Amino acid sequence: MQKSKRALTVKKKTGRRSSMKRTRKRTGMASPTALHPVPADISPVPSPTLWPLRILMVIDQFNIGGTETYTLSLTRELIRQGAFVAVAGKRGKLLDSFVGLGCAYYEIDFVQDNFEPDVANQIQHLNVLKMVIHAERIHVVHAHQTPSGELARKAAEHMNIPFVFTVHGCYYDGPVMKKLQSGTTFISVSPVVERMLRLHGIESQLIPNGVDVAEYNAYNPMYQQYLRSKLGIPKHAFVVLYAGRLSWEKADICEESIRTVAAMRRSGKSPLILMIVGGGRDQEKVAELAERERRLAGEPFIIFPGEVMNMRACYAISDCVIGTGRIGLEAMACLRPLISAGSRGFLGVIDASKYDQAWDCWFGDHHSEQPVSRQLLMAHIQQIRQMGSEEISELVQSGRSFVTERFHVSQAASRMLDIYRQLVLPVM
């Protein structure tokens, strides 16, 4: 159980350090006064002359995952395009990356260390959010997860400013959607999510997850070989990378990937190496299975670094990637063959013939007719292994072009700014 003192903590800082005198007071432990509701007659919306647009991004926790990484990319691009962005969420490994953007950040413990909502302190967290909106003169609140999204919606409603919620998957049920529905502008990240929301009577704006293709690109082959040598990977080994959150269905896919690579090695299809990157509530269970397979094989063919910030290096080490959603976009941008296996099913090796299907169902994360299986994983890994260098080159170059043309984060940020302006201007 999380200590109540920590649960009541809110920290606001900014990533920029300067010798100049600060004009904004830094807050540490929120004082009892700061936790009282902001008076209803105080408007947080400044006059148009004080623009740029001021946005508060809210997530449950600054973890390393697809939703959080997209929020980071979107925040960076919004700042590039002239917006002011503050962020709020529980401390996690990704927080330093937000700090590096120079944006104001507030640590609010929306969830406990076991990822469950901190129900006992919800009223105080709501008051803290209202304080942040007032202190930072926020125009619009944009949330990406629950339970933080429910509190963010209430805070925006109390402060009479627009609220935007991006639905990143099909894991929300009707009651959750109903809690969020009042006064909310919804963003869907795939056609399947858009259709799911419509079944609940909710209209949404369809804006895909965006990737900065300058950040995700292939390294020089010599440097790729250097990275592999640092890990002791044999020069001619075929490296399969599984990357994703190690929770729920995605942990099951990771375990199936472990069993698949182990079975392929036992059948003589070696040398094969499996690299697992990610963390989550099922991480220990995955690690135990990996260790059992290592012992059975009598050699360390599984590399398990856990959560990694420098994903570009992990993609460089691999010969193919098993993943879905944002991982799929990053891998393709880094010129890596992608085997799409998501929470809702399997698409296999992604080539030009599957681009529209991959976009529609978000690489199997939101829908698929075919479940993930060991036989399918084995067949598609083998398919990539048997490709010639020219075929591989054509596959990955086409994949990067697909990501660049349809999923560039600058396009997502521009469309998001248009939505923010449409919501804010009637208020001004």
Protein backbone atom coordinates (compact mmCIF):
# COMPACT_ATOMS: atom_id res chain seq x y z
CA MET A 1 0.00 0.00 0.00
CA GLN A 2 1.45 3.37 -0.94
CA LYS A 3 2.29 5.71 1.90
CA SER A 4 -0.31 8.44 2.25
CA LYS A 5 2.36 11.16 2.48
CA ARG A 6 3.69 10.28 -0.95
CA ALA A 7 0.21 10.05 -2.40
CA LEU A 8 -0.45 13.67 -1.42
CA THR A 9 2.73 14.97 -3.02
CA VAL A 10 2.71 17.23 -6.04
CA LYS A 11 5.96 18.54 -7.49
CA LYS A 12 6.12 21.20 -10.14
CA LYS A 13 9.39 21.84 -11.89
CA THR A 14 10.68 22.99 -15.20
CA GLY A 15 13.37 21.31 -17.27
CA ARG A 16 15.23 24.54 -18.01
CA ARG A 17 18.00 25.67 -15.69
CA SER A 18 19.12 29.29 -15.82
CA SER A 19 20.98 31.85 -13.77
CA MET A 20 18.15 34.29 -14.42
CA LYS A 21 15.67 34.88 -11.64
CA ARG A 22 12.56 32.71 -11.92
CA THR A 23 9.26 34.50 -12.28
CA ARG A 24 7.22 31.43 -11.41
CA LYS A 25 7.25 30.03 -7.92
CA ARG A 26 8.45 26.44 -7.62
CA THR A 27 6.23 24.19 -5.50
CA GLY A 28 7.32 21.17 -3.55
CA MET A 29 4.91 19.52 -1.12
CA ALA A 30 1.52 20.99 -1.85
CA SER A 31 0.44 23.11 1.08
CA PRO A 32 -3.03 22.64 2.57
CA THR A 33 -4.01 25.99 1.02
CA ALA A 34 -2.89 24.86 -2.45
CA LEU A 35 -5.09 21.79 -2.20
CA HIS A 36 -8.28 23.78 -1.63
CA PRO A 37 -10.54 24.20 -4.66
CA VAL A 38 -9.77 27.16 -6.88
CA PRO A 39 -12.53 29.78 -6.53
CA ALA A 40 -15.11 29.40 -9.28
CA ASP A 41 -14.90 33.06 -10.31
CA ILE A 42 -11.21 32.78 -11.32
CA SER A 43 -10.86 32.18 -15.04
CA PRO A 44 -7.68 30.31 -16.06
CA VAL A 45 -7.99 31.39 -19.71
CA PRO A 46 -5.81 34.40 -20.58
CA SER A 47 -6.67 36.93 -23.24
CA PRO A 48 -5.71 36.15 -26.87
CA THR A 49 -2.78 38.57 -26.61
CA LEU A 50 -1.11 36.16 -24.16
CA TRP A 51 -1.00 33.28 -26.61
CA PRO A 52 0.75 30.80 -27.52
CA LEU A 53 -1.82 28.12 -26.88
CA ARG A 54 -1.29 26.63 -23.40
CA ILE A 55 -1.93 22.89 -23.04
CA LEU A 56 -1.87 20.55 -20.04
CA MET A 57 -1.01 16.93 -20.96
CA VAL A 58 -2.12 14.37 -18.37
CA ILE A 59 -1.09 10.69 -18.14
CA ASP A 60 -1.30 8.16 -15.30
CA GLN A 61 2.46 7.74 -14.94
CA PHE A 62 5.62 8.61 -16.89
CA ASN A 63 6.26 4.96 -17.79
CA ILE A 64 7.91 3.58 -20.91
CA GLY A 65 5.06 2.45 -23.14
CA GLY A 66 3.39 3.26 -26.43
CA THR A 67 0.88 5.76 -25.03
CA GLU A 68 3.47 7.56 -22.94
CA THR A 69 6.09 7.62 -25.71
CA TYR A 70 3.56 9.05 -28.14
CA THR A 71 2.61 11.71 -25.59
CA LEU A 72 6.30 12.60 -25.34
CA SER A 73 6.68 12.86 -29.14
CA LEU A 74 3.48 14.90 -29.43
CA THR A 75 4.55 17.23 -26.61
CA ARG A 76 7.94 17.80 -28.24
CA GLU A 77 6.34 18.58 -31.60
CA LEU A 78 3.68 20.87 -30.12
CA ILE A 79 6.46 22.88 -28.46
CA ARG A 80 8.33 23.01 -31.78
CA GLN A 81 5.19 24.38 -33.41
CA GLY A 82 4.91 27.17 -30.85
CA ALA A 83 2.61 25.84 -28.13
CA PHE A 84 3.24 25.93 -24.37
CA VAL A 85 2.85 22.47 -22.81
CA ALA A 86 2.80 21.47 -19.15
CA VAL A 87 2.60 17.79 -18.15
CA ALA A 88 1.22 15.94 -15.13
CA GLY A 89 1.54 12.33 -13.98
CA LYS A 90 3.18 10.00 -11.48
CA ARG A 91 6.98 9.83 -11.57
CA GLY A 92 8.41 7.15 -13.87
CA LYS A 93 11.43 6.42 -16.05
CA LEU A 94 10.18 8.58 -18.92
CA LEU A 95 9.89 11.74 -16.79
CA ASP A 96 13.47 12.86 -17.48
CA SER A 97 12.71 12.91 -21.21
CA PHE A 98 9.84 15.33 -20.58
CA VAL A 99 12.09 17.40 -18.31
CA GLY A 100 14.60 17.61 -21.17
CA LEU A 101 11.97 19.36 -23.30
CA GLY A 102 11.97 22.28 -20.88
CA CYS A 103 8.25 22.02 -20.18
CA ALA A 104 6.69 22.56 -16.76
CA TYR A 105 5.96 19.23 -15.08
CA TYR A 106 3.90 18.23 -12.08
CA GLU A 107 4.30 14.91 -10.27
CA ILE A 108 0.85 13.73 -9.17
CA ASP A 109 0.38 10.17 -7.90
CA PHE A 110 -2.77 9.23 -9.82
CA VAL A 111 -1.90 5.52 -9.43
CA GLN A 112 -0.21 3.46 -6.75
CA ASP A 113 2.99 1.47 -7.21
CA ASN A 114 0.87 -1.57 -8.18
CA PHE A 115 -0.70 0.49 -11.04
CA GLU A 116 -4.09 0.59 -9.29
CA PRO A 117 -5.90 3.96 -8.95
CA ASP A 118 -5.16 5.94 -5.80
CA VAL A 119 -8.84 6.25 -4.91
CA ALA A 120 -8.22 7.53 -1.37
CA ASN A 121 -6.62 10.76 -2.61
CA GLN A 122 -8.70 11.51 -5.70
CA ILE A 123 -10.28 14.68 -4.30
CA GLN A 124 -6.89 16.14 -3.45
CA HIS A 125 -5.51 15.17 -6.88
CA LEU A 126 -8.50 16.92 -8.47
CA ASN A 127 -7.77 20.08 -6.51
CA VAL A 128 -4.10 19.92 -7.47
CA LEU A 129 -5.05 19.68 -11.16
CA LYS A 130 -7.28 22.73 -10.79
CA MET A 131 -4.40 24.57 -9.15
CA VAL A 132 -2.10 23.62 -12.07
CA ILE A 133 -4.66 24.82 -14.63
CA HIS A 134 -4.92 28.15 -12.82
CA ALA A 135 -1.18 28.59 -12.16
CA GLU A 136 -0.14 27.75 -15.72
CA ARG A 137 -3.07 29.65 -17.33
CA ILE A 138 -4.04 26.54 -19.29
CA HIS A 139 -6.37 26.83 -22.31
CA VAL A 140 -7.10 23.12 -22.86
CA VAL A 141 -6.51 19.85 -20.97
CA HIS A 142 -5.56 16.74 -22.97
CA ALA A 143 -5.54 13.33 -21.23
CA HIS A 144 -4.56 9.92 -22.55
CA GLN A 145 -5.33 7.35 -19.83
CA THR A 146 -7.63 6.51 -16.95
CA PRO A 147 -7.90 7.03 -13.99
CA SER A 148 -6.00 10.31 -14.54
CA GLY A 149 -8.28 11.18 -17.46
CA GLU A 150 -11.43 11.08 -15.32
CA LEU A 151 -9.93 13.54 -12.84
CA ALA A 152 -8.57 15.72 -15.64
CA ARG A 153 -12.04 15.93 -17.21
CA LYS A 154 -13.57 17.04 -13.91
CA ALA A 155 -10.82 19.61 -13.38
CA ALA A 156 -11.32 21.06 -16.86
CA GLU A 157 -15.09 21.16 -16.31
CA HIS A 158 -14.72 22.95 -12.96
CA MET A 159 -12.33 25.48 -14.52
CA ASN A 160 -14.59 25.94 -17.57
CA ILE A 161 -12.00 25.02 -20.22
CA PRO A 162 -12.10 22.38 -23.01
CA PHE A 163 -11.10 18.77 -22.40
CA VAL A 164 -9.65 16.36 -24.97
CA PHE A 165 -9.21 12.61 -24.43
CA THR A 166 -7.28 10.35 -26.80
CA VAL A 167 -8.50 6.74 -26.84
CA HIS A 168 -5.40 4.63 -27.49
CA GLY A 169 -7.06 1.20 -27.60
CA CYS A 170 -10.19 -0.94 -27.40
CA TYR A 171 -9.72 -1.84 -23.74
CA TYR A 172 -12.26 0.69 -22.39
CA ASP A 173 -15.75 -0.56 -21.57
CA GLY A 174 -19.03 1.32 -21.77
CA PRO A 175 -19.12 2.59 -18.15
CA VAL A 176 -15.64 4.13 -18.46
CA MET A 177 -16.63 5.87 -21.68
CA LYS A 178 -19.79 7.22 -20.04
CA LYS A 179 -17.74 8.75 -17.22
CA LEU A 180 -15.58 10.55 -19.75
CA GLN A 181 -18.27 11.49 -22.26
CA SER A 182 -19.72 14.72 -20.84
CA GLY A 183 -18.08 17.75 -22.45
CA THR A 184 -15.21 15.71 -23.92
CA THR A 185 -13.71 15.93 -27.39
CA PHE A 186 -12.52 12.41 -28.25
CA ILE A 187 -9.54 11.50 -30.43
CA SER A 188 -9.29 7.97 -31.86
CA VAL A 189 -5.94 6.57 -33.02
CA SER A 190 -7.21 3.97 -35.50
CA PRO A 191 -10.33 3.29 -37.59
CA VAL A 192 -11.20 0.34 -35.33
CA VAL A 193 -11.16 2.60 -32.24
CA GLU A 194 -13.25 5.16 -34.12
CA ARG A 195 -15.84 2.48 -34.91
CA MET A 196 -15.77 1.17 -31.33
CA LEU A 197 -16.50 4.65 -29.96
CA ARG A 198 -19.34 5.11 -32.44
CA LEU A 199 -20.94 1.91 -31.09
CA HIS A 200 -21.00 3.68 -27.70
CA GLY A 201 -22.65 6.70 -29.31
CA ILE A 202 -19.44 8.74 -29.29
CA GLU A 203 -18.11 10.65 -32.28
CA SER A 204 -14.35 11.21 -32.46
CA GLN A 205 -11.63 12.84 -34.52
CA LEU A 206 -9.33 10.25 -36.15
CA ILE A 207 -5.67 11.23 -35.66
CA PRO A 208 -3.04 8.46 -35.88
CA ASN A 209 -0.19 7.99 -33.46
CA GLY A 210 2.80 9.94 -34.77
CA VAL A 211 6.52 9.16 -34.91
CA ASP A 212 9.47 11.51 -35.35
CA VAL A 213 11.26 9.79 -38.22
CA ALA A 214 14.39 11.86 -37.58
CA GLU A 215 14.59 10.30 -34.10
CA TYR A 216 13.94 6.77 -35.40
CA ASN A 217 16.27 5.89 -38.25
CA ALA A 218 18.73 3.09 -39.01
CA TYR A 219 22.31 3.23 -37.76
CA ASN A 220 25.29 2.62 -40.00
CA PRO A 221 25.90 -1.17 -40.40
CA MET A 222 29.34 -0.86 -38.79
CA TYR A 223 27.81 0.69 -35.67
CA GLN A 224 25.08 -1.96 -35.64
CA GLN A 225 27.77 -4.65 -35.57
CA TYR A 226 29.57 -2.80 -32.78
CA LEU A 227 26.39 -2.77 -30.66
CA ARG A 228 25.93 -6.51 -31.21
CA SER A 229 29.54 -7.25 -30.28
CA LYS A 230 29.10 -5.36 -26.99
CA LEU A 231 26.40 -7.86 -26.06
CA GLY A 232 28.47 -10.84 -27.16
CA ILE A 233 26.13 -11.71 -30.03
CA PRO A 234 27.82 -13.95 -32.64
CA LYS A 235 28.39 -12.19 -35.95
CA HIS A 236 26.09 -14.45 -37.98
CA ALA A 237 23.36 -14.88 -35.36
CA PHE A 238 19.79 -13.96 -36.28
CA VAL A 239 18.37 -11.65 -33.58
CA VAL A 240 14.62 -11.52 -32.96
CA LEU A 241 13.50 -8.51 -30.90
CA TYR A 242 10.27 -8.59 -28.91
CA ALA A 243 9.37 -5.09 -27.69
CA GLY A 244 6.26 -4.10 -25.78
CA ARG A 245 4.60 -3.61 -22.42
CA LEU A 246 4.89 -6.84 -20.40
CA SER A 247 1.32 -6.83 -19.14
CA TRP A 248 -1.87 -8.72 -19.98
CA GLU A 249 -2.07 -9.99 -23.59
CA LYS A 250 1.28 -8.50 -24.59
CA ALA A 251 3.02 -10.46 -21.86
CA ASP A 252 1.38 -13.59 -23.31
CA ILE A 253 2.75 -12.71 -26.77
CA CYS A 254 6.21 -12.27 -25.29
CA GLU A 255 6.01 -15.68 -23.61
CA GLU A 256 4.92 -17.23 -26.91
CA SER A 257 7.90 -15.54 -28.58
CA ILE A 258 10.23 -17.11 -26.00
CA ARG A 259 8.79 -20.58 -26.61
CA THR A 260 8.92 -20.05 -30.39
CA VAL A 261 12.59 -19.08 -30.52
CA ALA A 262 13.48 -21.87 -28.07
CA ALA A 263 11.66 -24.43 -30.25
CA MET A 264 13.36 -23.16 -33.41
CA ARG A 265 16.76 -23.53 -31.75
CA ARG A 266 15.96 -27.08 -30.65
CA SER A 267 14.99 -27.98 -34.22
CA GLY A 268 18.41 -26.91 -35.42
CA LYS A 269 17.51 -23.45 -36.75
CA SER A 270 20.35 -21.78 -34.88
CA PRO A 271 22.04 -19.51 -34.16
CA LEU A 272 18.96 -17.62 -32.99
CA ILE A 273 18.97 -14.94 -30.29
CA LEU A 274 15.89 -13.41 -28.64
CA MET A 275 16.06 -9.92 -27.15
CA ILE A 276 13.17 -8.81 -24.91
CA VAL A 277 12.66 -5.11 -24.21
CA GLY A 278 9.89 -3.87 -21.94
CA GLY A 279 8.47 -3.87 -18.45
CA GLY A 280 5.15 -4.16 -16.68
CA ARG A 281 3.12 -6.04 -14.11
CA ASP A 282 3.97 -9.45 -15.65
CA GLN A 283 7.69 -8.79 -16.05
CA GLU A 284 8.73 -11.24 -13.32
CA LYS A 285 6.66 -14.05 -14.84
CA VAL A 286 8.25 -13.42 -18.25
CA ALA A 287 11.73 -13.35 -16.68
CA GLU A 288 11.11 -16.70 -14.96
CA LEU A 289 10.11 -18.34 -18.25
CA ALA A 290 13.14 -16.85 -20.00
CA GLU A 291 15.43 -18.23 -17.31
CA ARG A 292 13.86 -21.71 -17.53
CA GLU A 293 14.41 -21.79 -21.30
CA ARG A 294 18.00 -20.58 -20.84
CA ARG A 295 18.70 -23.45 -18.44
CA LEU A 296 17.08 -25.99 -20.77
CA ALA A 297 19.18 -24.74 -23.69
CA GLY A 298 22.37 -24.70 -21.64
CA GLU A 299 23.35 -21.32 -23.09
CA PRO A 300 22.22 -17.70 -22.72
CA PHE A 301 20.30 -17.16 -25.96
CA ILE A 302 17.84 -14.68 -24.39
CA ILE A 303 18.87 -11.08 -23.70
CA PHE A 304 16.47 -9.33 -21.31
CA PRO A 305 17.51 -5.74 -20.45
CA GLY A 306 14.01 -4.74 -19.26
CA GLU A 307 12.85 -1.21 -20.03
CA VAL A 308 15.19 0.69 -22.33
CA MET A 309 15.21 4.38 -23.23
CA ASN A 310 17.36 4.07 -26.37
CA MET A 311 15.05 1.95 -28.50
CA ARG A 312 16.86 2.96 -31.68
CA ALA A 313 19.88 0.93 -30.54
CA CYS A 314 17.67 -2.09 -29.81
CA TYR A 315 16.18 -1.97 -33.28
CA ALA A 316 19.69 -1.71 -34.73
CA ILE A 317 20.77 -4.89 -32.94
CA SER A 318 17.82 -6.89 -34.30
CA ASP A 319 17.21 -8.65 -37.61
CA CYS A 320 13.43 -8.55 -37.17
CA VAL A 321 10.96 -7.15 -34.64
CA ILE A 322 7.86 -8.73 -33.12
CA GLY A 323 5.56 -5.95 -31.98
CA THR A 324 2.48 -3.86 -32.55
CA GLY A 325 1.19 -0.30 -32.52
CA ARG A 326 3.83 2.30 -31.91
CA ILE A 327 6.59 -0.32 -31.72
CA GLY A 328 5.63 -1.27 -35.26
CA LEU A 329 5.99 2.32 -36.48
CA GLU A 330 9.36 2.77 -34.76
CA ALA A 331 10.72 -0.52 -36.09
CA MET A 332 9.67 0.26 -39.66
CA ALA A 333 11.11 3.78 -39.40
CA CYS A 334 14.39 2.15 -38.29
CA LEU A 335 14.38 -0.07 -41.41
CA ARG A 336 13.56 -3.30 -39.59
CA PRO A 337 11.26 -6.10 -40.84
CA LEU A 338 8.16 -6.17 -38.66
CA ILE A 339 6.14 -9.21 -37.58
CA SER A 340 2.89 -7.68 -36.35
CA ALA A 341 1.46 -9.45 -33.29
CA GLY A 342 -0.90 -7.43 -31.11
CA SER A 343 -3.32 -7.71 -28.22
CA ARG A 344 -6.19 -8.63 -30.56
CA GLY A 345 -4.37 -10.86 -33.03
CA PHE A 346 -1.75 -11.55 -35.67
CA LEU A 347 -0.98 -9.90 -39.02
CA GLY A 348 2.49 -11.34 -39.62
CA VAL A 349 5.22 -9.81 -41.78
CA ILE A 350 4.08 -6.32 -42.76
CA ASP A 351 4.63 -5.48 -46.42
CA ALA A 352 2.89 -3.07 -48.80
CA SER A 353 -0.04 -5.44 -49.27
CA LYS A 354 -0.89 -5.16 -45.55
CA TYR A 355 -0.39 -1.42 -44.94
CA ASP A 356 -4.09 -0.51 -45.04
CA GLN A 357 -5.03 -3.47 -42.84
CA ALA A 358 -2.26 -2.63 -40.36
CA TRP A 359 -3.46 0.96 -40.10
CA ASP A 360 -7.11 -0.05 -39.73
CA CYS A 361 -6.49 -2.42 -36.80
CA TRP A 362 -3.32 -0.73 -35.46
CA PHE A 363 -1.07 -3.68 -36.29
CA GLY A 364 -3.33 -6.22 -34.60
CA ASP A 365 -3.56 -4.28 -31.35
CA HIS A 366 -7.19 -3.23 -31.87
CA HIS A 367 -8.55 -6.06 -34.03
CA SER A 368 -7.51 -9.14 -36.02
CA GLU A 369 -9.21 -12.26 -37.32
CA GLN A 370 -6.21 -14.50 -36.51
CA PRO A 371 -4.90 -15.16 -32.98
CA VAL A 372 -1.18 -15.20 -32.21
CA SER A 373 0.27 -18.71 -32.17
CA ARG A 374 3.68 -20.38 -31.98
CA GLN A 375 3.23 -21.88 -35.44
CA LEU A 376 2.52 -18.48 -37.02
CA LEU A 377 5.42 -16.78 -35.25
CA MET A 378 7.77 -19.56 -36.32
CA ALA A 379 6.61 -19.44 -39.96
CA HIS A 380 7.00 -15.66 -40.24
CA ILE A 381 10.41 -15.56 -38.53
CA GLN A 382 11.54 -18.22 -40.97
CA GLN A 383 10.04 -16.25 -43.87
CA ILE A 384 12.25 -13.26 -43.03
CA ARG A 385 15.33 -15.46 -42.52
CA GLN A 386 14.92 -16.86 -46.01
CA MET A 387 14.66 -13.46 -47.72
CA GLY A 388 17.59 -12.27 -49.80
CA SER A 389 19.29 -8.94 -49.11
CA GLU A 390 17.54 -7.17 -52.00
CA GLU A 391 14.12 -8.39 -50.87
CA ILE A 392 14.83 -7.26 -47.31
CA SER A 393 16.01 -3.85 -48.54
CA GLU A 394 12.87 -3.35 -50.62
CA LEU A 395 10.66 -4.42 -47.69
CA VAL A 396 12.21 -2.07 -45.12
CA GLN A 397 12.59 0.94 -47.43
CA SER A 398 8.92 0.65 -48.34
CA GLY A 399 8.06 0.39 -44.64
CA ARG A 400 9.93 3.56 -43.74
CA SER A 401 8.23 5.46 -46.57
CA PHE A 402 4.84 4.24 -45.29
CA VAL A 403 5.58 5.56 -41.79
CA THR A 404 7.02 8.86 -43.03
CA GLU A 405 4.08 9.62 -45.31
CA ARG A 406 1.23 8.60 -43.03
CA PHE A 407 2.43 8.73 -39.42
CA HIS A 408 4.84 11.67 -39.11
CA VAL A 409 4.36 13.34 -35.73
CA SER A 410 4.40 16.82 -37.28
CA GLN A 411 1.15 15.99 -39.09
CA ALA A 412 -0.45 14.69 -35.88
CA ALA A 413 0.62 17.80 -33.93
CA SER A 414 -0.68 20.19 -36.61
CA ARG A 415 -4.07 18.50 -36.63
CA MET A 416 -4.17 18.49 -32.83
CA LEU A 417 -3.42 22.22 -32.72
CA ASP A 418 -6.29 22.84 -35.13
CA ILE A 419 -8.64 20.98 -32.79
CA TYR A 420 -7.36 22.86 -29.73
CA ARG A 421 -7.90 26.21 -31.47
CA GLN A 422 -11.42 25.30 -32.56
CA LEU A 423 -12.25 24.42 -28.95
CA VAL A 424 -10.57 27.43 -27.35
CA LEU A 425 -11.60 30.24 -29.71
CA PRO A 426 -15.32 30.09 -28.81
CA VAL A 427 -14.27 30.52 -25.16
CA MET A 428 -12.08 33.57 -25.83
